Protein backbone atom coordinates (compact mmCIF):
# COMPACT_ATOMS: atom_id res chain seq x y z
CA MET A 1 0.00 0.00 0.00
CA LYS A 2 1.35 3.41 -0.97
CA LEU A 3 0.80 6.27 1.51
CA SER A 4 0.05 9.77 0.33
CA LEU A 5 2.22 12.65 1.49
CA LEU A 6 -0.64 13.87 3.69
CA SER A 7 -1.01 10.41 5.29
CA MET A 8 2.71 10.26 6.03
CA LEU A 9 2.61 13.75 7.54
CA LEU A 10 -0.35 12.83 9.76
CA LEU A 11 1.45 9.67 10.90
CA ALA A 12 4.55 11.71 11.76
CA ILE A 13 2.52 14.29 13.66
CA GLY A 14 0.75 11.52 15.55
CA ALA A 15 4.07 9.93 16.52
CA ASN A 16 5.47 13.25 17.69
CA ALA A 17 2.32 14.05 19.67
CA GLN A 18 2.81 10.95 21.82
CA ILE A 19 5.97 12.44 23.40
CA VAL A 20 4.99 14.55 26.41
CA ILE A 21 6.79 16.60 29.03
CA ASN A 22 5.89 14.50 32.06
CA GLU A 23 7.98 15.79 34.96
CA ILE A 24 9.91 18.97 35.76
CA ASN A 25 12.51 19.66 38.45
CA TYR A 26 12.99 23.42 38.52
CA ASN A 27 14.01 24.09 42.14
CA ASP A 28 15.82 21.42 44.17
CA ALA A 29 14.76 20.49 47.66
CA VAL A 30 17.47 21.26 50.26
CA GLY A 31 20.00 18.43 50.41
CA PHE A 32 18.91 17.03 47.05
CA GLU A 33 20.85 19.16 44.57
CA THR A 34 20.26 17.34 41.28
CA GLN A 35 20.10 20.63 39.35
CA ASP A 36 17.26 21.21 36.87
CA TRP A 37 15.88 18.44 34.67
CA ILE A 38 12.81 17.36 32.76
CA GLU A 39 11.41 13.94 31.98
CA LEU A 40 9.89 13.04 28.62
CA TYR A 41 7.45 10.15 28.23
CA ASN A 42 6.41 8.22 25.13
CA ASN A 43 2.68 7.85 25.68
CA GLY A 44 2.15 6.00 22.40
CA ASN A 45 2.37 2.50 21.00
CA SER A 46 5.33 2.94 18.67
CA ASN A 47 8.97 3.98 18.68
CA VAL A 48 9.71 7.67 18.10
CA ASP A 49 13.09 8.83 16.82
CA ILE A 50 13.74 12.08 18.68
CA SER A 51 17.19 12.65 17.19
CA ASN A 52 17.91 16.36 16.74
CA TRP A 53 14.80 17.42 18.62
CA VAL A 54 15.33 20.61 20.59
CA PHE A 55 14.44 21.43 24.19
CA LYS A 56 14.14 25.17 25.00
CA ASP A 57 12.95 27.41 27.78
CA ASN A 58 11.51 30.93 27.31
CA ASP A 59 14.68 32.10 25.59
CA ASP A 60 15.09 30.82 22.02
CA LEU A 61 18.88 31.06 22.46
CA HIS A 62 18.69 28.46 25.25
CA GLU A 63 18.53 25.10 23.56
CA PHE A 64 19.56 21.51 24.10
CA ILE A 65 19.72 19.35 20.97
CA ILE A 66 18.95 15.69 21.53
CA PRO A 67 21.74 13.53 20.07
CA ASN A 68 21.44 11.40 16.91
CA GLY A 69 20.27 7.85 17.50
CA THR A 70 17.92 8.72 20.38
CA ILE A 71 14.81 6.59 20.06
CA MET A 72 12.05 6.37 22.63
CA GLY A 73 10.11 3.13 22.70
CA PRO A 74 6.46 2.94 23.74
CA ASP A 75 5.82 3.53 27.45
CA THR A 76 9.42 4.71 28.08
CA TYR A 77 10.94 7.71 29.79
CA LEU A 78 13.95 9.90 29.01
CA VAL A 79 15.48 12.51 31.32
CA LEU A 80 17.18 15.67 30.06
CA ALA A 81 19.46 16.94 32.83
CA GLN A 82 21.04 20.34 33.26
CA THR A 83 24.05 18.67 34.90
CA LEU A 84 24.34 14.97 34.13
CA ALA A 85 26.87 14.26 36.92
CA ASP A 86 24.71 15.91 39.60
CA PHE A 87 21.58 14.10 38.43
CA GLN A 88 23.36 10.72 38.40
CA THR A 89 24.73 11.29 41.91
CA PHE A 90 21.19 11.29 43.28
CA HIS A 91 19.60 8.95 40.72
CA PRO A 92 22.30 6.41 39.75
CA THR A 93 19.82 3.80 38.48
CA VAL A 94 17.76 6.13 36.26
CA SER A 95 18.40 5.55 32.58
CA PRO A 96 18.45 6.89 29.94
CA VAL A 97 19.59 10.37 30.93
CA LEU A 98 21.00 12.95 28.53
CA GLY A 99 22.78 16.18 29.40
CA ASP A 100 24.18 18.72 29.94
CA PHE A 101 21.91 21.59 28.98
CA THR A 102 23.56 24.94 29.61
CA PHE A 103 20.61 26.91 30.99
CA GLY A 104 18.52 26.63 34.12
CA LEU A 105 14.78 26.51 34.64
CA SER A 106 13.16 29.37 36.51
CA GLY A 107 11.90 28.71 40.02
CA LEU A 108 9.30 31.42 39.43
CA GLY A 109 7.71 29.55 36.54
CA GLU A 110 8.29 29.76 32.82
CA LEU A 111 7.56 28.26 29.43
CA ILE A 112 9.48 25.14 28.42
CA ARG A 113 9.17 23.68 24.94
CA LEU A 114 10.07 20.62 22.90
CA PHE A 115 10.48 20.88 19.12
CA ASP A 116 10.90 18.08 16.59
CA ASP A 117 13.73 18.04 14.04
CA ASN A 118 11.60 20.12 11.64
CA GLY A 119 11.14 22.90 14.21
CA THR A 120 7.51 21.98 14.93
CA ILE A 121 6.41 22.31 18.54
CA VAL A 122 5.71 18.85 19.98
CA ASP A 123 4.86 19.81 23.55
CA GLN A 124 5.11 22.78 25.86
CA VAL A 125 4.34 23.58 29.48
CA GLU A 126 4.05 27.01 31.04
CA TYR A 127 4.35 26.13 34.73
CA ASP A 128 4.21 28.41 37.75
CA ASP A 129 5.31 28.20 41.39
CA GLU A 130 2.08 29.67 42.75
CA ALA A 131 -1.43 28.27 43.14
CA PRO A 132 -3.30 26.86 41.35
CA TRP A 133 -0.01 25.13 40.41
CA PRO A 134 1.41 22.79 43.07
CA THR A 135 3.79 24.80 45.27
CA GLU A 136 5.78 21.92 46.83
CA PRO A 137 8.07 21.57 43.77
CA ASN A 138 9.47 25.04 44.50
CA GLY A 139 12.23 23.66 46.75
CA ASN A 140 9.88 22.18 49.33
CA GLY A 141 9.59 18.56 48.29
CA PRO A 142 8.68 16.55 45.20
CA THR A 143 9.11 17.50 41.58
CA LEU A 144 6.31 18.78 39.35
CA GLU A 145 4.92 15.54 37.87
CA LEU A 146 1.87 14.86 35.74
CA ARG A 147 -0.79 12.85 37.56
CA ASN A 148 -1.33 10.90 34.34
CA PRO A 149 0.38 11.37 30.94
CA ASP A 150 -3.03 11.35 29.25
CA LEU A 151 -3.97 14.61 31.01
CA ASP A 152 -3.51 18.04 29.48
CA ASN A 153 -0.15 19.21 30.81
CA ALA A 154 -1.09 22.85 30.14
CA LEU A 155 -3.53 22.71 33.07
CA ALA A 156 -2.27 23.19 36.65
CA ALA A 157 -4.80 20.61 37.91
CA SER A 158 -3.09 17.90 35.82
CA TRP A 159 0.10 18.15 37.90
């Protein structure tokens, strides 16, 4: 069966849409200095090649390019760490982890974004450190984590 260009594009968009920003560490708890990091999750049923995808914060000059050969299988996680060594000190069994990104995430809240290799936005979260967003992740305990990856991560109630 031969797929049309439109069908192939829709399949690619569908594959990209299954990668979600699932967890954010933007302000370490005291004594747990892992530095900033985010966790991506493949919420779909197929592999997604995220080679050359770009993670950014509010500033378009701040970017981390995901290395070639990075493939996320279905129901898998991937951590992007600001400082790989610091993250691995506190989470030595977590894998895969990629780093180092050269910018930090704001403890006051900000926009973080994930773009595919064509520059198309795949996912974004504009989090905050004040209610209705959970306030514990602001240095007082756990990270900011989605309750379920099927929820809309743009909504504070989903975290």
